[in-house]
Amino acid sequence: MSYAILVPNVEKANESNLSSVWLDKQGDATALVFGKGEIAILMAPWKDVDSPEAVFEQDVATMHAKTRVETINGDDALVIEPDTDIDASDPAWIELAHDGVDINIESSAYGTDVLLDVARSLTAASS
C-alpha cells in the first residue's frame, strides 16, 4: 500500500478482535473488519482536490443526516450520527483524512461515541 495501515486499540476494535482484512493493491485500498462485523475501517488515498475541511463542511451543508465536523488528533473529521437520515437507517460513520489517507469508520452496531474512540486510537500497524 502507498500509506501506513492504521489500526485502532480500544476494547471494541483492536488487533486481537480483527476478524478480516481486505487489501486491494491495484486500487490502493484497505478494509479492516472487527468483531463479527460490528466495526469496519476503510482506507484509501485522499483523492479530493479540496481540503478535507472544505469537503466535510460541504457535506454538513448538503447531507440529509445529523452531521458535524470535529477535530480528531489534529485532523478534520466528518461525524455522521446513526439513524438520522431521511429513512432513519444510516450507520454511525466517521470520515477523516490523515497524512493523505481517507479513513472511513462505520458501524451499525455502535454509535459515534464508540467510533470517535476508535478514531482517536488509530496508530500504524505493527509489522
N, C-alpha and C. Protein backbone atom coordinates (compact mmCIF):
# COMPACT_ATOMS: atom_id res chain seq x y z
N MET A 1 0.85 -1.16 0.00
CA MET A 1 0.00 0.00 0.00
C MET A 1 0.90 1.24 0.00
N SER A 2 0.37 2.33 -0.47
CA SER A 2 1.17 3.57 -0.54
C SER A 2 1.11 4.37 0.76
N TYR A 3 0.53 3.80 1.79
CA TYR A 3 0.35 4.50 3.07
C TYR A 3 0.47 3.49 4.21
N ALA A 4 0.70 3.99 5.40
CA ALA A 4 0.72 3.13 6.58
C ALA A 4 -0.71 2.72 6.93
N ILE A 5 -0.93 1.45 7.16
CA ILE A 5 -2.24 0.98 7.58
C ILE A 5 -2.36 1.25 9.07
N LEU A 6 -3.42 1.96 9.42
CA LEU A 6 -3.65 2.32 10.82
C LEU A 6 -4.64 1.35 11.44
N VAL A 7 -4.37 0.96 12.68
CA VAL A 7 -5.28 0.07 13.41
C VAL A 7 -5.65 0.72 14.73
N PRO A 8 -6.86 0.47 15.19
CA PRO A 8 -7.29 1.03 16.47
C PRO A 8 -6.83 0.16 17.64
N ASN A 9 -6.90 0.72 18.82
CA ASN A 9 -6.57 -0.04 20.01
C ASN A 9 -7.53 0.35 21.14
N VAL A 10 -8.78 -0.05 20.97
CA VAL A 10 -9.81 0.12 22.00
C VAL A 10 -10.49 -1.23 22.18
N GLU A 11 -11.29 -1.36 23.22
CA GLU A 11 -11.90 -2.66 23.54
C GLU A 11 -12.67 -3.26 22.36
N LYS A 12 -13.45 -2.46 21.69
CA LYS A 12 -14.32 -2.99 20.63
C LYS A 12 -13.63 -3.14 19.28
N ALA A 13 -12.42 -2.60 19.14
CA ALA A 13 -11.69 -2.72 17.87
C ALA A 13 -10.20 -2.64 18.16
N ASN A 14 -9.53 -3.80 18.02
CA ASN A 14 -8.08 -3.87 18.23
C ASN A 14 -7.55 -5.08 17.48
N GLU A 15 -6.23 -5.26 17.48
CA GLU A 15 -5.65 -6.35 16.71
C GLU A 15 -6.14 -7.73 17.16
N SER A 16 -6.54 -7.89 18.43
CA SER A 16 -6.98 -9.20 18.91
C SER A 16 -8.39 -9.57 18.42
N ASN A 17 -9.21 -8.59 18.06
CA ASN A 17 -10.54 -8.94 17.55
C ASN A 17 -10.73 -8.52 16.08
N LEU A 18 -9.61 -8.36 15.39
CA LEU A 18 -9.63 -8.11 13.94
C LEU A 18 -10.08 -9.40 13.26
N SER A 19 -11.23 -9.38 12.60
CA SER A 19 -11.79 -10.61 12.03
C SER A 19 -11.48 -10.79 10.56
N SER A 20 -11.25 -9.70 9.83
CA SER A 20 -10.85 -9.85 8.42
C SER A 20 -10.16 -8.60 7.92
N VAL A 21 -9.31 -8.83 6.92
CA VAL A 21 -8.56 -7.75 6.28
C VAL A 21 -8.74 -7.91 4.78
N TRP A 22 -8.98 -6.83 4.12
CA TRP A 22 -9.12 -6.82 2.67
C TRP A 22 -8.14 -5.81 2.11
N LEU A 23 -7.30 -6.23 1.18
CA LEU A 23 -6.34 -5.34 0.53
C LEU A 23 -6.58 -5.36 -0.97
N ASP A 24 -6.74 -4.19 -1.54
CA ASP A 24 -6.85 -4.04 -2.99
C ASP A 24 -5.62 -3.26 -3.42
N LYS A 25 -4.55 -3.98 -3.76
CA LYS A 25 -3.29 -3.32 -4.09
C LYS A 25 -3.41 -2.48 -5.36
N GLN A 26 -4.18 -2.95 -6.33
CA GLN A 26 -4.36 -2.19 -7.56
C GLN A 26 -5.10 -0.87 -7.30
N GLY A 27 -6.13 -0.94 -6.46
CA GLY A 27 -6.89 0.26 -6.13
C GLY A 27 -6.35 1.01 -4.93
N ASP A 28 -5.29 0.45 -4.30
CA ASP A 28 -4.64 1.06 -3.13
C ASP A 28 -5.64 1.30 -2.00
N ALA A 29 -6.46 0.28 -1.72
CA ALA A 29 -7.49 0.40 -0.69
C ALA A 29 -7.35 -0.74 0.32
N THR A 30 -7.75 -0.44 1.55
CA THR A 30 -7.67 -1.39 2.66
C THR A 30 -8.99 -1.37 3.42
N ALA A 31 -9.42 -2.54 3.88
CA ALA A 31 -10.57 -2.61 4.77
C ALA A 31 -10.21 -3.53 5.93
N LEU A 32 -10.56 -3.09 7.12
CA LEU A 32 -10.37 -3.88 8.34
C LEU A 32 -11.74 -4.06 8.98
N VAL A 33 -12.05 -5.29 9.37
CA VAL A 33 -13.34 -5.57 10.00
C VAL A 33 -13.07 -6.16 11.38
N PHE A 34 -13.77 -5.65 12.36
CA PHE A 34 -13.56 -6.04 13.75
C PHE A 34 -14.79 -6.74 14.31
N GLY A 35 -14.52 -7.68 15.24
CA GLY A 35 -15.61 -8.44 15.84
C GLY A 35 -16.30 -9.27 14.78
N LYS A 36 -17.60 -9.27 14.83
CA LYS A 36 -18.40 -10.01 13.84
C LYS A 36 -18.96 -9.03 12.80
N GLY A 37 -18.15 -8.04 12.48
CA GLY A 37 -18.58 -7.04 11.51
C GLY A 37 -19.16 -5.80 12.14
N GLU A 38 -19.03 -5.67 13.46
CA GLU A 38 -19.64 -4.53 14.14
C GLU A 38 -18.97 -3.21 13.77
N ILE A 39 -17.67 -3.24 13.47
CA ILE A 39 -16.94 -2.02 13.10
C ILE A 39 -16.10 -2.33 11.86
N ALA A 40 -16.16 -1.44 10.88
CA ALA A 40 -15.34 -1.56 9.68
C ALA A 40 -14.58 -0.26 9.47
N ILE A 41 -13.33 -0.40 9.05
CA ILE A 41 -12.49 0.76 8.73
C ILE A 41 -12.01 0.58 7.30
N LEU A 42 -12.26 1.58 6.47
CA LEU A 42 -11.81 1.56 5.08
C LEU A 42 -10.81 2.68 4.88
N MET A 43 -9.71 2.40 4.17
CA MET A 43 -8.67 3.38 3.92
C MET A 43 -8.29 3.38 2.44
N ALA A 44 -8.02 4.56 1.93
CA ALA A 44 -7.54 4.74 0.55
C ALA A 44 -6.93 6.14 0.48
N PRO A 45 -6.12 6.40 -0.51
CA PRO A 45 -5.55 7.76 -0.62
C PRO A 45 -6.65 8.81 -0.76
N TRP A 46 -6.43 9.98 -0.13
CA TRP A 46 -7.35 11.12 -0.26
C TRP A 46 -7.23 11.63 -1.68
N LYS A 47 -8.32 11.58 -2.45
CA LYS A 47 -8.25 11.95 -3.87
C LYS A 47 -8.95 13.24 -4.20
N ASP A 48 -9.63 13.82 -3.23
CA ASP A 48 -10.35 15.06 -3.49
C ASP A 48 -9.35 16.21 -3.62
N VAL A 49 -9.60 17.11 -4.54
CA VAL A 49 -8.69 18.23 -4.73
C VAL A 49 -8.85 19.27 -3.63
N ASP A 50 -10.02 19.32 -3.01
CA ASP A 50 -10.27 20.27 -1.93
C ASP A 50 -9.74 19.71 -0.61
N SER A 51 -9.56 20.59 0.34
CA SER A 51 -9.10 20.17 1.67
C SER A 51 -10.19 19.35 2.34
N PRO A 52 -9.82 18.46 3.27
CA PRO A 52 -10.84 17.71 4.00
C PRO A 52 -11.84 18.63 4.69
N GLU A 53 -11.35 19.71 5.30
CA GLU A 53 -12.27 20.62 5.99
C GLU A 53 -13.33 21.16 5.03
N ALA A 54 -12.92 21.59 3.83
CA ALA A 54 -13.87 22.13 2.86
C ALA A 54 -14.86 21.06 2.41
N VAL A 55 -14.37 19.86 2.16
CA VAL A 55 -15.25 18.77 1.74
C VAL A 55 -16.25 18.43 2.84
N PHE A 56 -15.77 18.33 4.07
CA PHE A 56 -16.66 17.96 5.17
C PHE A 56 -17.67 19.05 5.48
N GLU A 57 -17.27 20.30 5.40
CA GLU A 57 -18.23 21.40 5.60
C GLU A 57 -19.31 21.37 4.53
N GLN A 58 -18.93 21.06 3.29
CA GLN A 58 -19.92 20.93 2.21
C GLN A 58 -20.86 19.76 2.50
N ASP A 59 -20.31 18.66 2.99
CA ASP A 59 -21.14 17.50 3.34
C ASP A 59 -22.16 17.88 4.43
N VAL A 60 -21.71 18.59 5.45
CA VAL A 60 -22.62 19.01 6.53
C VAL A 60 -23.76 19.85 5.96
N ALA A 61 -23.44 20.71 4.99
CA ALA A 61 -24.45 21.60 4.41
C ALA A 61 -25.45 20.87 3.52
N THR A 62 -25.06 19.72 2.96
CA THR A 62 -25.91 19.07 1.97
C THR A 62 -26.47 17.71 2.37
N MET A 63 -25.93 17.09 3.39
CA MET A 63 -26.39 15.75 3.76
C MET A 63 -27.73 15.82 4.50
N HIS A 64 -28.52 14.78 4.32
CA HIS A 64 -29.81 14.68 4.99
C HIS A 64 -29.70 13.78 6.21
N ALA A 65 -28.69 14.06 7.02
CA ALA A 65 -28.48 13.32 8.27
C ALA A 65 -27.84 14.29 9.25
N LYS A 66 -27.88 13.96 10.52
CA LYS A 66 -27.26 14.82 11.55
C LYS A 66 -25.75 14.64 11.46
N THR A 67 -25.07 15.72 11.08
CA THR A 67 -23.62 15.67 10.87
C THR A 67 -22.95 16.85 11.54
N ARG A 68 -21.65 16.70 11.75
CA ARG A 68 -20.83 17.80 12.26
C ARG A 68 -19.38 17.54 11.88
N VAL A 69 -18.58 18.59 11.95
CA VAL A 69 -17.15 18.47 11.73
C VAL A 69 -16.46 18.60 13.08
N GLU A 70 -15.57 17.67 13.37
CA GLU A 70 -14.79 17.68 14.60
C GLU A 70 -13.32 17.56 14.25
N THR A 71 -12.48 17.81 15.23
CA THR A 71 -11.06 17.58 15.07
C THR A 71 -10.68 16.36 15.90
N ILE A 72 -10.02 15.41 15.26
CA ILE A 72 -9.57 14.18 15.92
C ILE A 72 -8.06 14.10 15.76
N ASN A 73 -7.36 14.19 16.86
CA ASN A 73 -5.89 14.12 16.84
C ASN A 73 -5.29 15.09 15.81
N GLY A 74 -5.88 16.26 15.70
CA GLY A 74 -5.37 17.28 14.79
C GLY A 74 -5.90 17.21 13.37
N ASP A 75 -6.72 16.20 13.05
CA ASP A 75 -7.26 16.04 11.70
C ASP A 75 -8.74 16.39 11.69
N ASP A 76 -9.19 17.05 10.62
CA ASP A 76 -10.62 17.33 10.45
C ASP A 76 -11.35 16.02 10.20
N ALA A 77 -12.54 15.91 10.76
CA ALA A 77 -13.32 14.68 10.61
C ALA A 77 -14.80 15.02 10.46
N LEU A 78 -15.47 14.27 9.61
CA LEU A 78 -16.92 14.35 9.45
C LEU A 78 -17.52 13.27 10.33
N VAL A 79 -18.45 13.66 11.18
CA VAL A 79 -19.13 12.73 12.09
C VAL A 79 -20.59 12.69 11.69
N ILE A 80 -21.08 11.49 11.39
CA ILE A 80 -22.46 11.30 10.98
C ILE A 80 -23.16 10.44 12.03
N GLU A 81 -24.18 11.01 12.66
CA GLU A 81 -24.93 10.30 13.69
C GLU A 81 -25.80 9.21 13.05
N PRO A 82 -25.92 8.06 13.71
CA PRO A 82 -26.73 6.97 13.15
C PRO A 82 -28.22 7.27 13.19
N ASP A 83 -28.91 6.66 12.24
CA ASP A 83 -30.38 6.70 12.18
C ASP A 83 -30.95 8.11 12.10
N THR A 84 -30.24 9.01 11.42
CA THR A 84 -30.72 10.39 11.31
C THR A 84 -30.94 10.83 9.87
N ASP A 85 -30.78 9.92 8.91
CA ASP A 85 -31.07 10.29 7.52
C ASP A 85 -32.58 10.23 7.28
N ILE A 86 -32.99 10.47 6.07
CA ILE A 86 -34.42 10.53 5.74
C ILE A 86 -35.14 9.24 6.14
N ASP A 87 -34.49 8.09 5.94
CA ASP A 87 -35.10 6.80 6.25
C ASP A 87 -34.77 6.32 7.67
N ALA A 88 -34.00 7.12 8.42
CA ALA A 88 -33.55 6.74 9.77
C ALA A 88 -32.85 5.38 9.74
N SER A 89 -31.99 5.20 8.74
CA SER A 89 -31.35 3.89 8.57
C SER A 89 -29.84 3.97 8.37
N ASP A 90 -29.25 5.15 8.51
CA ASP A 90 -27.82 5.28 8.26
C ASP A 90 -27.01 4.76 9.45
N PRO A 91 -25.84 4.17 9.17
CA PRO A 91 -24.98 3.73 10.27
C PRO A 91 -24.25 4.92 10.88
N ALA A 92 -23.67 4.71 12.04
CA ALA A 92 -22.74 5.70 12.59
C ALA A 92 -21.53 5.71 11.66
N TRP A 93 -21.00 6.90 11.40
CA TRP A 93 -19.92 6.99 10.40
C TRP A 93 -19.01 8.15 10.75
N ILE A 94 -17.72 7.93 10.62
CA ILE A 94 -16.73 8.99 10.77
C ILE A 94 -15.80 8.90 9.57
N GLU A 95 -15.55 10.03 8.95
CA GLU A 95 -14.58 10.11 7.86
C GLU A 95 -13.54 11.15 8.24
N LEU A 96 -12.28 10.79 8.09
CA LEU A 96 -11.21 11.75 8.33
C LEU A 96 -10.11 11.53 7.32
N ALA A 97 -9.31 12.54 7.13
CA ALA A 97 -8.14 12.45 6.26
C ALA A 97 -6.91 12.62 7.14
N HIS A 98 -6.03 11.64 7.11
CA HIS A 98 -4.82 11.67 7.93
C HIS A 98 -3.62 11.37 7.05
N ASP A 99 -2.69 12.30 6.98
CA ASP A 99 -1.47 12.12 6.17
C ASP A 99 -1.78 11.66 4.74
N GLY A 100 -2.79 12.28 4.13
CA GLY A 100 -3.14 11.96 2.75
C GLY A 100 -3.96 10.70 2.56
N VAL A 101 -4.45 10.12 3.67
CA VAL A 101 -5.26 8.90 3.60
C VAL A 101 -6.69 9.22 4.03
N ASP A 102 -7.64 8.80 3.21
CA ASP A 102 -9.06 8.94 3.50
C ASP A 102 -9.47 7.74 4.34
N ILE A 103 -9.89 7.98 5.58
CA ILE A 103 -10.24 6.90 6.52
C ILE A 103 -11.72 7.01 6.85
N ASN A 104 -12.45 5.93 6.61
CA ASN A 104 -13.87 5.85 6.93
C ASN A 104 -14.07 4.76 7.97
N ILE A 105 -14.73 5.11 9.06
CA ILE A 105 -15.02 4.17 10.13
C ILE A 105 -16.54 4.11 10.27
N GLU A 106 -17.11 2.91 10.14
CA GLU A 106 -18.57 2.82 10.20
C GLU A 106 -19.02 1.65 11.05
N SER A 107 -20.23 1.81 11.59
CA SER A 107 -20.81 0.76 12.41
C SER A 107 -22.33 0.89 12.45
N SER A 108 -23.00 -0.23 12.29
CA SER A 108 -24.45 -0.28 12.52
C SER A 108 -24.74 -0.76 13.94
N ALA A 109 -23.70 -1.24 14.63
CA ALA A 109 -23.88 -1.79 15.98
C ALA A 109 -23.61 -0.77 17.08
N TYR A 110 -22.74 0.20 16.81
CA TYR A 110 -22.33 1.18 17.81
C TYR A 110 -22.57 2.60 17.31
N GLY A 111 -22.63 3.53 18.25
CA GLY A 111 -22.83 4.92 17.92
C GLY A 111 -21.52 5.66 17.69
N THR A 112 -21.64 6.96 17.47
CA THR A 112 -20.45 7.75 17.15
C THR A 112 -19.50 7.90 18.33
N ASP A 113 -19.97 7.78 19.58
CA ASP A 113 -19.05 7.86 20.71
C ASP A 113 -18.01 6.75 20.64
N VAL A 114 -18.44 5.54 20.33
CA VAL A 114 -17.51 4.42 20.19
C VAL A 114 -16.59 4.66 18.99
N LEU A 115 -17.15 5.11 17.88
CA LEU A 115 -16.33 5.33 16.69
C LEU A 115 -15.32 6.46 16.90
N LEU A 116 -15.69 7.47 17.66
CA LEU A 116 -14.72 8.53 17.98
C LEU A 116 -13.56 7.97 18.79
N ASP A 117 -13.85 7.07 19.74
CA ASP A 117 -12.77 6.41 20.49
C ASP A 117 -11.88 5.60 19.55
N VAL A 118 -12.50 4.89 18.61
CA VAL A 118 -11.74 4.12 17.63
C VAL A 118 -10.83 5.05 16.83
N ALA A 119 -11.38 6.13 16.32
CA ALA A 119 -10.60 7.08 15.51
C ALA A 119 -9.44 7.68 16.31
N ARG A 120 -9.69 8.04 17.55
CA ARG A 120 -8.64 8.63 18.37
C ARG A 120 -7.49 7.66 18.67
N SER A 121 -7.77 6.37 18.60
CA SER A 121 -6.76 5.37 18.97
C SER A 121 -5.96 4.84 17.77
N LEU A 122 -6.25 5.30 16.56
CA LEU A 122 -5.57 4.77 15.38
C LEU A 122 -4.07 5.02 15.42
N THR A 123 -3.30 3.96 15.19
CA THR A 123 -1.85 4.05 15.08
C THR A 123 -1.38 3.08 14.01
N ALA A 124 -0.16 3.26 13.54
CA ALA A 124 0.38 2.39 12.49
C ALA A 124 0.43 0.95 12.99
N ALA A 125 0.04 0.03 12.10
CA ALA A 125 0.03 -1.40 12.45
C ALA A 125 1.44 -1.89 12.72
N SER A 126 1.55 -2.81 13.68
CA SER A 126 2.86 -3.42 13.93
C SER A 126 3.16 -4.40 12.81
N SER A 127 4.43 -4.56 12.50
CA SER A 127 4.77 -5.44 11.37
C SER A 127 5.08 -6.84 11.80
